[in-house]
Protein backbone atom coordinates (compact mmCIF):
# COMPACT_ATOMS: atom_id res chain seq x y z
CA MET A 1 9.07 27.34 -15.63
CA GLY A 2 6.75 29.63 -14.45
CA LEU A 3 6.52 31.17 -10.86
CA GLU A 4 3.52 29.21 -9.63
CA LYS A 5 5.42 25.88 -10.96
CA LYS A 6 8.53 26.92 -8.90
CA PHE A 7 6.43 27.59 -5.92
CA ASP A 8 4.83 24.18 -5.88
CA LEU A 9 7.96 22.45 -6.62
CA TYR A 10 9.46 24.62 -3.37
CA LEU A 11 6.49 23.41 -1.60
CA GLU A 12 6.58 19.91 -2.59
CA TRP A 13 10.46 19.16 -1.75
CA THR A 14 10.02 21.15 1.82
CA SER A 15 7.41 19.04 3.10
CA PHE A 16 9.01 16.04 2.10
CA LEU A 17 12.60 17.17 4.23
CA ARG A 18 10.17 18.52 7.24
CA SER A 19 8.19 14.99 7.03
CA LYS A 20 11.12 12.89 6.68
CA LEU A 21 12.76 15.14 9.53
CA CYS A 22 9.60 14.19 11.88
CA GLN A 23 9.94 10.54 10.30
CA ILE A 24 13.18 10.36 12.08
CA ILE A 25 12.38 11.85 15.27
CA LEU A 26 9.35 9.50 15.61
CA TRP A 27 11.35 6.70 14.68
CA ALA A 28 14.03 7.11 17.59
CA TYR A 29 11.40 7.59 19.85
CA TYR A 30 9.09 5.09 18.64
CA LYS A 31 11.36 1.70 18.63
CA ASN A 32 12.34 2.22 22.10
CA VAL A 33 9.56 3.00 24.05
CA PHE A 34 6.53 1.09 22.65
CA LEU A 35 5.85 -2.53 23.20
CA GLY A 36 1.99 -4.66 22.86
CA ASP A 37 -1.12 -2.72 21.61
CA TRP A 38 -0.81 0.90 20.45
CA VAL A 39 -3.79 2.78 19.26
CA LEU A 40 -3.62 5.38 15.97
CA TYR A 41 -6.52 7.33 14.91
CA LEU A 42 -6.93 7.80 11.32
CA ASP A 43 -7.86 11.15 9.99
CA ASN A 44 -11.24 9.67 8.07
CA GLY A 45 -12.14 8.44 11.50
CA THR A 46 -10.87 4.97 12.11
CA LYS A 47 -9.27 3.18 14.70
CA PHE A 48 -6.45 1.15 13.90
CA THR A 49 -4.53 -1.11 16.58
CA TYR A 50 -1.14 -2.49 15.95
CA HIS A 51 0.19 -5.07 18.11
CA SER A 52 3.66 -5.40 18.51
CA ASP A 53 5.42 -8.12 20.43
CA THR A 54 9.44 -6.66 20.08
CA GLY A 55 8.89 -3.15 20.59
CA LEU A 56 9.46 -2.15 17.04
CA PHE A 57 7.15 0.22 16.19
CA PRO A 58 7.93 1.06 12.57
CA LEU A 59 7.58 3.94 10.86
CA SER A 60 4.34 2.95 8.50
CA PHE A 61 2.65 2.29 11.44
CA SER A 62 3.08 6.08 13.34
CA PHE A 63 0.43 7.17 11.22
CA SER A 64 -0.07 11.03 12.50
CA GLY A 65 -0.46 12.89 9.31
CA ILE A 66 3.10 12.16 8.51
CA THR A 67 4.59 9.32 7.37
CA ASP A 68 1.83 7.89 5.44
CA PHE A 69 0.21 11.24 4.77
CA ARG A 70 1.17 11.21 1.07
CA ASP A 71 -0.71 7.80 0.42
CA MET A 72 -3.61 8.24 2.38
CA LYS A 73 -4.04 12.01 1.00
CA PHE A 74 -4.40 10.38 -2.21
CA LEU A 75 -6.60 7.55 -1.35
CA SER A 76 -9.09 9.99 0.07
CA ARG A 77 -8.97 12.32 -2.70
CA TYR A 78 -9.32 9.75 -5.08
CA LEU A 79 -11.30 6.62 -3.83
CA ARG A 80 -15.23 6.58 -3.99
CA LYS A 81 -18.23 4.63 -1.79
CA GLY A 82 -18.90 1.76 -4.13
CA ASP A 83 -14.84 0.87 -5.27
CA PHE A 84 -13.69 -2.25 -5.01
CA VAL A 85 -9.70 -2.38 -4.01
CA PHE A 86 -7.41 -5.24 -2.54
CA ASP A 87 -4.98 -4.92 -0.37
CA CYS A 88 -2.16 -7.33 -0.53
CA GLY A 89 0.09 -7.37 2.27
CA ALA A 90 -2.74 -6.30 4.55
CA HIS A 91 -0.35 -7.44 7.60
CA GLN A 92 -2.72 -6.03 10.48
CA GLY A 93 -5.13 -3.87 8.48
CA LEU A 94 -3.72 -0.16 8.65
CA TYR A 95 -4.81 0.06 4.93
CA SER A 96 -7.62 -2.65 4.78
CA VAL A 97 -9.55 -0.55 7.25
CA TYR A 98 -8.28 2.99 6.01
CA LEU A 99 -9.96 1.56 2.68
CA ALA A 100 -13.40 0.01 4.10
CA LYS A 101 -13.81 3.31 5.50
CA LEU A 102 -13.71 5.24 2.46
CA VAL A 103 -15.32 2.62 -0.20
CA GLY A 104 -18.61 1.88 2.63
CA ASN A 105 -20.51 -0.75 2.82
CA GLU A 106 -21.45 -0.25 -0.38
CA GLY A 107 -17.74 -1.15 -1.81
CA ARG A 108 -15.36 -4.21 -0.81
CA VAL A 109 -11.84 -4.56 0.39
CA PHE A 110 -10.06 -7.92 -0.49
CA ALA A 111 -7.17 -8.20 2.23
CA ILE A 112 -4.71 -10.70 1.20
CA GLU A 113 -2.40 -12.12 4.10
CA PRO A 114 -0.63 -15.31 4.78
CA SER A 115 -0.30 -14.93 8.50
CA LYS A 116 -3.01 -16.16 10.80
CA ARG A 117 -1.49 -14.14 13.53
CA PHE A 118 -1.98 -11.06 11.94
CA ILE A 119 -4.93 -12.31 10.71
CA SER A 120 -6.00 -12.29 14.06
CA TYR A 121 -5.65 -8.74 14.58
CA LEU A 122 -6.72 -8.10 11.50
CA GLU A 123 -10.20 -9.02 12.29
CA LYS A 124 -9.74 -7.42 15.55
CA ASN A 125 -9.68 -4.34 13.58
CA LYS A 126 -12.33 -4.96 11.25
CA GLN A 127 -14.73 -6.03 13.92
CA GLU A 128 -13.85 -2.73 16.05
CA ASN A 129 -14.95 -0.18 13.64
CA ASN A 130 -17.59 -2.25 11.98
CA LEU A 131 -16.16 -2.53 8.67
CA TYR A 132 -17.88 -5.71 6.90
CA SER A 133 -16.38 -4.81 3.72
CA ILE A 134 -13.07 -6.22 4.21
CA GLU A 135 -13.07 -10.03 3.04
CA ILE A 136 -9.97 -11.57 3.84
CA PHE A 137 -8.07 -14.32 2.23
CA PRO A 138 -5.57 -16.32 4.23
CA PHE A 139 -2.99 -16.93 1.14
CA ALA A 140 0.22 -15.32 0.00
CA ALA A 141 0.21 -13.76 -3.41
CA GLY A 142 2.83 -14.74 -6.12
CA ASN A 143 3.67 -16.02 -9.66
CA LYS A 144 2.63 -19.49 -9.08
CA LYS A 145 0.69 -21.78 -7.20
CA GLU A 146 2.42 -23.35 -4.36
CA LYS A 147 3.29 -23.94 -0.96
CA LYS A 148 6.22 -22.23 0.54
CA THR A 149 8.14 -20.86 3.85
CA PHE A 150 6.69 -17.79 5.35
CA TYR A 151 8.97 -15.75 7.39
CA GLU A 152 7.31 -14.09 10.42
CA ASN A 153 8.92 -10.63 11.49
CA GLY A 154 6.74 -8.20 12.68
CA PRO A 155 6.35 -5.58 9.43
CA PHE A 156 8.98 -7.06 7.53
CA SER A 157 7.40 -10.46 7.18
CA ARG A 158 7.39 -12.01 3.52
CA LEU A 159 8.28 -14.86 1.87
CA SER A 160 11.44 -16.56 2.75
CA VAL A 161 14.24 -16.53 0.43
CA GLN A 162 16.67 -18.54 2.98
CA SER A 163 16.26 -21.03 5.92
CA PHE A 164 15.00 -18.97 9.35
CA ASP A 165 14.28 -20.13 12.70
CA ASN A 166 11.32 -21.29 14.10
CA SER A 167 9.48 -18.20 12.97
CA SER A 168 8.99 -19.20 9.60
CA ILE A 169 5.72 -21.24 9.31
CA GLU A 170 4.41 -22.88 5.49
CA VAL A 171 1.82 -20.67 4.01
CA GLU A 172 0.00 -21.27 0.46
CA VAL A 173 0.66 -19.00 -2.45
CA ILE A 174 -1.71 -18.23 -5.23
CA CYS A 175 -1.53 -15.93 -8.50
CA LEU A 176 -4.01 -13.02 -7.59
CA ASP A 177 -5.04 -13.60 -11.16
CA GLU A 178 -6.47 -16.82 -9.81
CA LEU A 179 -7.81 -15.28 -6.39
CA LEU A 180 -9.50 -11.78 -7.81
CA ASP A 181 -12.43 -12.22 -9.71
CA ARG A 182 -11.76 -10.86 -12.89
CA GLY A 183 -15.12 -10.40 -13.72
CA LEU A 184 -15.21 -6.76 -11.40
CA ARG A 185 -13.49 -3.78 -11.92
CA TYR A 186 -10.83 -2.62 -9.02
CA ALA A 187 -10.55 1.28 -8.68
CA PHE A 188 -7.33 0.37 -6.61
CA GLY A 189 -4.95 -1.99 -5.71
CA LYS A 190 -1.65 -2.09 -2.88
CA ILE A 191 1.03 -4.42 -2.85
CA ASP A 192 3.52 -4.61 0.40
CA VAL A 193 5.34 -7.50 0.41
CA GLU A 194 8.46 -7.07 1.58
CA GLY A 195 10.99 -7.30 -1.52
CA ALA A 196 8.14 -9.45 -3.77
CA GLU A 197 6.43 -7.09 -5.50
CA LEU A 198 7.43 -8.24 -9.03
CA LEU A 199 6.39 -12.03 -7.95
CA VAL A 200 2.93 -10.70 -6.92
CA LEU A 201 2.54 -8.39 -10.31
CA GLN A 202 3.39 -11.86 -12.48
CA GLY A 203 0.80 -13.35 -11.19
CA LEU A 204 -1.49 -10.20 -11.43
CA THR A 205 -0.58 -10.25 -15.42
CA LYS A 206 -4.05 -11.07 -16.97
CA MET A 207 -5.75 -8.45 -15.40
CA LEU A 208 -3.05 -5.68 -15.43
CA LYS A 209 -3.36 -6.20 -19.09
CA GLU A 210 -7.12 -4.81 -19.25
CA ALA A 211 -5.61 -1.90 -17.13
CA ASN A 212 -7.58 -3.71 -14.00
CA PRO A 213 -6.88 -1.85 -11.42
CA PRO A 214 -5.97 1.37 -12.94
CA VAL A 215 -3.87 2.32 -9.99
CA LEU A 216 -1.30 0.25 -7.84
CA GLN A 217 0.09 1.44 -4.81
CA ILE A 218 3.74 -0.52 -4.68
CA GLU A 219 5.76 -0.46 -2.10
CA ILE A 220 9.45 -0.73 -4.31
CA THR A 221 12.57 -0.89 -1.71
CA LYS A 222 16.40 -2.15 -1.47
CA LEU A 223 14.82 -5.85 -0.52
CA VAL A 224 13.98 -6.43 -4.22
CA LYS A 225 17.85 -8.09 -4.53
CA ASP A 226 16.78 -10.54 -2.42
CA TYR A 227 14.67 -11.94 -5.06
CA GLY A 228 16.67 -11.29 -7.90
CA TYR A 229 15.54 -8.41 -9.53
CA SER A 230 15.80 -4.67 -9.61
CA ALA A 231 13.63 -1.93 -8.76
CA GLN A 232 14.39 -0.79 -12.70
CA GLU A 233 12.92 -4.40 -14.22
CA LEU A 234 10.04 -3.59 -12.04
CA LYS A 235 9.02 -0.72 -13.67
CA GLU A 236 9.88 -2.04 -17.02
CA PHE A 237 7.61 -4.72 -16.23
CA LEU A 238 4.82 -2.29 -15.28
CA PHE A 239 5.66 -0.17 -18.72
CA ASP A 240 5.05 -3.17 -20.92
CA LEU A 241 1.77 -3.39 -19.52
CA GLY A 242 1.15 0.25 -19.63
CA TYR A 243 1.84 1.41 -16.63
CA MET A 244 3.81 4.70 -15.81
CA LEU A 245 5.43 5.19 -11.75
CA TYR A 246 4.18 8.65 -10.51
CA LEU A 247 4.53 10.45 -7.03
CA TYR A 248 1.27 12.04 -5.53
CA SER A 249 1.96 15.58 -3.77
CA PRO A 250 -0.53 15.49 -1.38
CA TRP A 251 0.18 19.66 -0.95
CA SER A 252 -0.34 20.54 -4.69
CA ASN A 253 -2.65 17.42 -5.40
CA GLN A 254 -0.57 16.48 -8.50
CA LEU A 255 0.28 13.41 -9.61
CA LEU A 256 4.20 13.87 -10.20
CA LYS A 257 5.81 11.71 -12.76
CA ARG A 258 9.49 10.67 -11.68
CA SER A 259 12.08 7.98 -13.94
CA LYS A 260 12.94 6.68 -9.95
CA PRO A 261 10.38 7.55 -7.81
CA TRP A 262 11.54 4.66 -5.42
CA LYS A 263 14.52 7.21 -5.03
CA SER A 264 12.50 9.60 -2.76
CA CYS A 265 9.32 7.36 -1.16
CA ILE A 266 9.01 3.66 -0.66
CA ASN A 267 5.87 3.77 -2.13
CA SER A 268 5.15 4.81 -6.08
CA LEU A 269 1.76 5.04 -7.79
CA ALA A 270 1.53 2.60 -10.88
CA ILE A 271 -0.99 4.11 -13.32
CA HIS A 272 -1.94 2.76 -16.28
CA HIS A 273 -1.83 5.47 -19.44
CA LYS A 274 -5.51 4.70 -20.21
CA SER A 275 -6.56 5.96 -17.06
CA ILE A 276 -4.37 8.91 -15.93
CA GLU A 277 -7.25 11.48 -17.04
CA PHE A 278 -9.76 9.63 -14.80
CA VAL A 279 -7.78 9.67 -12.14
CA ILE A 280 -6.83 13.14 -12.65
CA ASP A 281 -10.48 13.99 -12.78
CA ARG A 282 -11.09 12.29 -9.54
CA LEU A 283 -8.57 14.24 -7.52
CA LYS A 284 -9.86 17.22 -8.70
CA SER A 285 -13.22 17.09 -8.26
CA LYS A 286 -13.01 15.71 -4.69
CA ASN A 287 -11.29 18.97 -3.72
CA GLN A 288 -13.66 21.29 -5.62
CA GLU A 289 -16.45 18.97 -3.06
CA LYS A 290 -14.47 19.88 -0.64
CA GLY A 291 -13.94 23.36 -1.39
CA LEU A 292 -10.32 22.91 -1.66
């Protein structure tokens, strides 16, 4: 391994460890302090208001250049004005408003979220930022059309795998192949559904066979076991469709191929093998535009 590559690897891991330490400190502080509305100013000029009913302030919403830095830096370098993207598991709209700012009025953000309560917060964030490119679909995504119980539990809300208390509501589940316009080419899709990610992918198979979109951001956590599958099975499902899993290094602006990226980061990038050069070229050209 050359000296330059060794330095990049050193920078990657030391930066990663520092960010993890910051996450632990922020988590210990936020979960005991914040209750109600809390405003985040994102690095691309959007304002996101997060409403907490419990005082539990999750790491994913403490964006300050630390926790979602890896994911959002990729998006800011990869996406272009006019791109079409979707946000499955949009919740209160953190990613939806961030994406909408990046794709502009020429693009579209299709936000999929079944909870009426979360949709109301998402709508407020949309209106507050004048981001009219966001289109909201009040559904849950899955592998077949059905009605199912949805458990509302703040950032950990998900399709129920067992009976819950009165925080549960009935929602309509639909396949993304049916919900999204297959005639459009999507540049990016985010899937964050607290363990049911494989079910969403199974309902998106027709589009994925066409490498549409070329890039997916997928949350992979231990919650997958609640839905009867493993992280490895999810990886193999994507591999059969031509997608490989990567982590993105914002420090070296490189895609890092890892056999089990979920061991290092809850969000992995699934990139179709036919599109890898396209993605790399976009990342490089955006850096060149900014003189980085």
